[in-house]
N, C-alpha and C. Protein backbone atom coordinates (compact mmCIF):
# COMPACT_ATOMS: atom_id res chain seq x y z
N UNK A 1 42.75 27.90 4.59
CA UNK A 1 41.54 27.77 3.53
C UNK A 1 42.18 28.85 2.05
N UNK A 2 42.43 27.94 1.33
CA UNK A 2 42.00 28.69 -0.10
C UNK A 2 41.09 28.61 -0.95
N UNK A 3 40.98 30.00 -1.32
CA UNK A 3 39.37 30.24 -2.24
C UNK A 3 39.48 29.72 -3.57
N UNK A 4 38.95 29.51 -4.31
CA UNK A 4 38.44 28.63 -5.16
C UNK A 4 39.42 28.95 -6.35
N UNK A 5 39.35 30.54 -6.29
CA UNK A 5 40.23 30.89 -7.50
C UNK A 5 41.77 30.34 -7.66
N UNK A 6 42.64 30.18 -6.29
CA UNK A 6 43.51 29.32 -6.27
C UNK A 6 43.44 28.05 -6.58
N UNK A 7 42.42 27.25 -5.87
CA UNK A 7 42.62 26.07 -5.91
C UNK A 7 42.62 25.57 -7.94
N UNK A 8 42.15 26.83 -8.27
CA UNK A 8 41.82 26.39 -9.81
C UNK A 8 42.95 26.88 -10.78
N UNK A 9 43.63 27.49 -10.26
CA UNK A 9 44.81 28.33 -10.71
C UNK A 9 46.12 27.06 -10.39
N UNK A 10 45.73 26.01 -9.35
CA UNK A 10 46.53 25.09 -9.12
C UNK A 10 46.27 23.93 -9.88
N UNK A 11 45.06 23.73 -10.41
CA UNK A 11 44.90 22.48 -11.14
C UNK A 11 45.04 22.83 -12.61
N UNK A 12 44.73 24.04 -13.04
CA UNK A 12 45.27 24.62 -14.38
C UNK A 12 46.96 24.10 -14.52
N UNK A 13 47.47 25.17 -13.63
CA UNK A 13 49.36 24.60 -14.00
C UNK A 13 49.83 23.05 -13.46
N UNK A 14 48.97 22.48 -12.53
CA UNK A 14 49.84 21.20 -12.67
C UNK A 14 49.39 20.54 -13.86
N UNK A 15 47.67 20.43 -14.63
CA UNK A 15 47.72 19.86 -15.80
C UNK A 15 48.24 20.03 -16.85
N UNK A 16 48.74 22.26 -17.07
CA UNK A 16 49.58 22.21 -18.11
C UNK A 16 51.15 21.95 -17.63
N UNK A 17 51.68 21.41 -16.73
CA UNK A 17 53.13 20.90 -16.55
C UNK A 17 53.23 19.16 -16.75
N UNK A 18 51.90 18.70 -16.74
CA UNK A 18 51.99 16.95 -16.77
C UNK A 18 51.43 16.33 -15.88
N UNK A 19 51.17 17.37 -14.34
CA UNK A 19 51.00 16.82 -13.18
C UNK A 19 49.30 16.34 -13.01
N UNK A 20 49.35 15.18 -13.51
CA UNK A 20 47.79 15.10 -13.73
C UNK A 20 47.15 14.44 -12.65
N UNK A 21 47.35 13.86 -11.45
CA UNK A 21 46.84 13.65 -10.28
C UNK A 21 46.88 14.87 -9.38
N UNK A 22 46.21 15.10 -8.64
CA UNK A 22 46.29 15.97 -7.41
C UNK A 22 47.29 15.64 -6.22
N UNK A 23 47.62 14.27 -6.37
CA UNK A 23 48.70 14.41 -5.48
C UNK A 23 50.24 14.60 -5.98
N UNK A 24 50.15 14.76 -7.26
CA UNK A 24 51.13 15.07 -7.75
C UNK A 24 51.41 16.59 -7.11
N UNK A 25 50.86 17.11 -7.10
CA UNK A 25 50.57 18.28 -6.42
C UNK A 25 51.97 18.84 -5.55
N UNK A 26 51.74 18.17 -4.53
CA UNK A 26 52.60 18.01 -3.55
C UNK A 26 54.31 18.50 -4.36
N UNK A 27 54.50 17.75 -5.16
CA UNK A 27 55.57 18.03 -5.99
C UNK A 27 56.34 19.30 -6.54
N UNK A 28 55.17 19.64 -6.97
CA UNK A 28 55.09 21.16 -7.28
C UNK A 28 55.62 22.03 -6.50
N UNK A 29 55.29 21.79 -4.99
CA UNK A 29 55.65 22.88 -4.07
C UNK A 29 57.18 23.32 -3.84
N UNK A 30 57.71 22.08 -4.61
CA UNK A 30 59.37 22.07 -4.05
C UNK A 30 59.77 22.35 -5.55
N UNK A 31 59.10 22.43 -6.58
CA UNK A 31 59.59 22.71 -7.88
C UNK A 31 60.10 24.53 -7.83
N UNK A 32 61.90 24.08 -7.32
CA UNK A 32 62.40 26.03 -7.66
C UNK A 32 62.04 26.29 -8.80
N UNK A 33 62.38 25.99 -9.78
CA UNK A 33 61.71 27.12 -11.17
C UNK A 33 60.34 27.08 -11.22
N UNK A 34 59.51 26.24 -10.93
CA UNK A 34 58.36 27.07 -10.58
C UNK A 34 58.21 27.68 -9.62
N UNK A 35 58.79 27.86 -8.38
CA UNK A 35 58.72 28.97 -7.18
C UNK A 35 59.39 30.22 -7.52
N UNK A 36 60.51 30.41 -8.62
CA UNK A 36 61.21 31.50 -8.88
C UNK A 36 60.33 31.70 -9.81
N UNK A 37 59.61 31.34 -11.24
CA UNK A 37 58.76 32.28 -11.83
C UNK A 37 57.76 32.40 -10.84
N UNK A 38 56.73 32.03 -10.13
CA UNK A 38 55.92 32.65 -9.58
C UNK A 38 56.10 33.58 -8.51
N UNK A 39 57.44 33.48 -8.25
CA UNK A 39 57.82 34.84 -7.04
C UNK A 39 57.97 34.49 -5.76
N UNK A 40 57.91 33.00 -5.64
CA UNK A 40 57.62 32.35 -4.43
C UNK A 40 58.81 32.56 -3.74
N UNK A 41 59.98 32.05 -4.70
CA UNK A 41 61.52 31.77 -3.93
C UNK A 41 62.56 33.33 -3.45
N UNK A 42 63.16 33.36 -2.71
CA UNK A 42 64.08 34.44 -2.92
C UNK A 42 65.05 34.07 -4.08
N UNK A 43 65.27 35.95 -5.02
CA UNK A 43 65.90 35.58 -5.75
C UNK A 43 67.42 35.71 -5.58
N UNK A 44 68.53 35.17 -6.29
CA UNK A 44 69.63 34.71 -5.98
C UNK A 44 70.47 36.31 -5.25
N UNK A 45 70.17 37.22 -5.84
CA UNK A 45 70.91 38.45 -5.06
C UNK A 45 70.08 38.81 -3.88
N UNK A 46 68.60 38.54 -3.61
CA UNK A 46 68.30 38.95 -2.42
C UNK A 46 69.11 37.69 -1.15
N UNK A 47 68.93 36.03 -1.63
CA UNK A 47 69.45 35.29 -0.72
C UNK A 47 70.62 35.72 -0.47
N UNK A 48 71.82 36.61 -1.10
CA UNK A 48 72.93 36.66 -1.12
C UNK A 48 73.34 37.90 0.17
N UNK A 49 72.65 38.76 0.21
CA UNK A 49 72.38 39.93 0.84
C UNK A 49 72.26 39.38 2.24
N UNK A 50 71.29 38.26 2.54
CA UNK A 50 71.32 37.89 4.15
C UNK A 50 71.80 37.95 4.53
């Protein structure tokens, strides 16, 4: 379960990026640039070290 702050943040980010429909937010989960900006993806140097 997500808290209200997380849900509102998701909505604001989605609107700012042009994702007006809530169903479009699933696409944001797989966006590599957004993931890297938010620190959700490993950095290239970390991925090579594995």
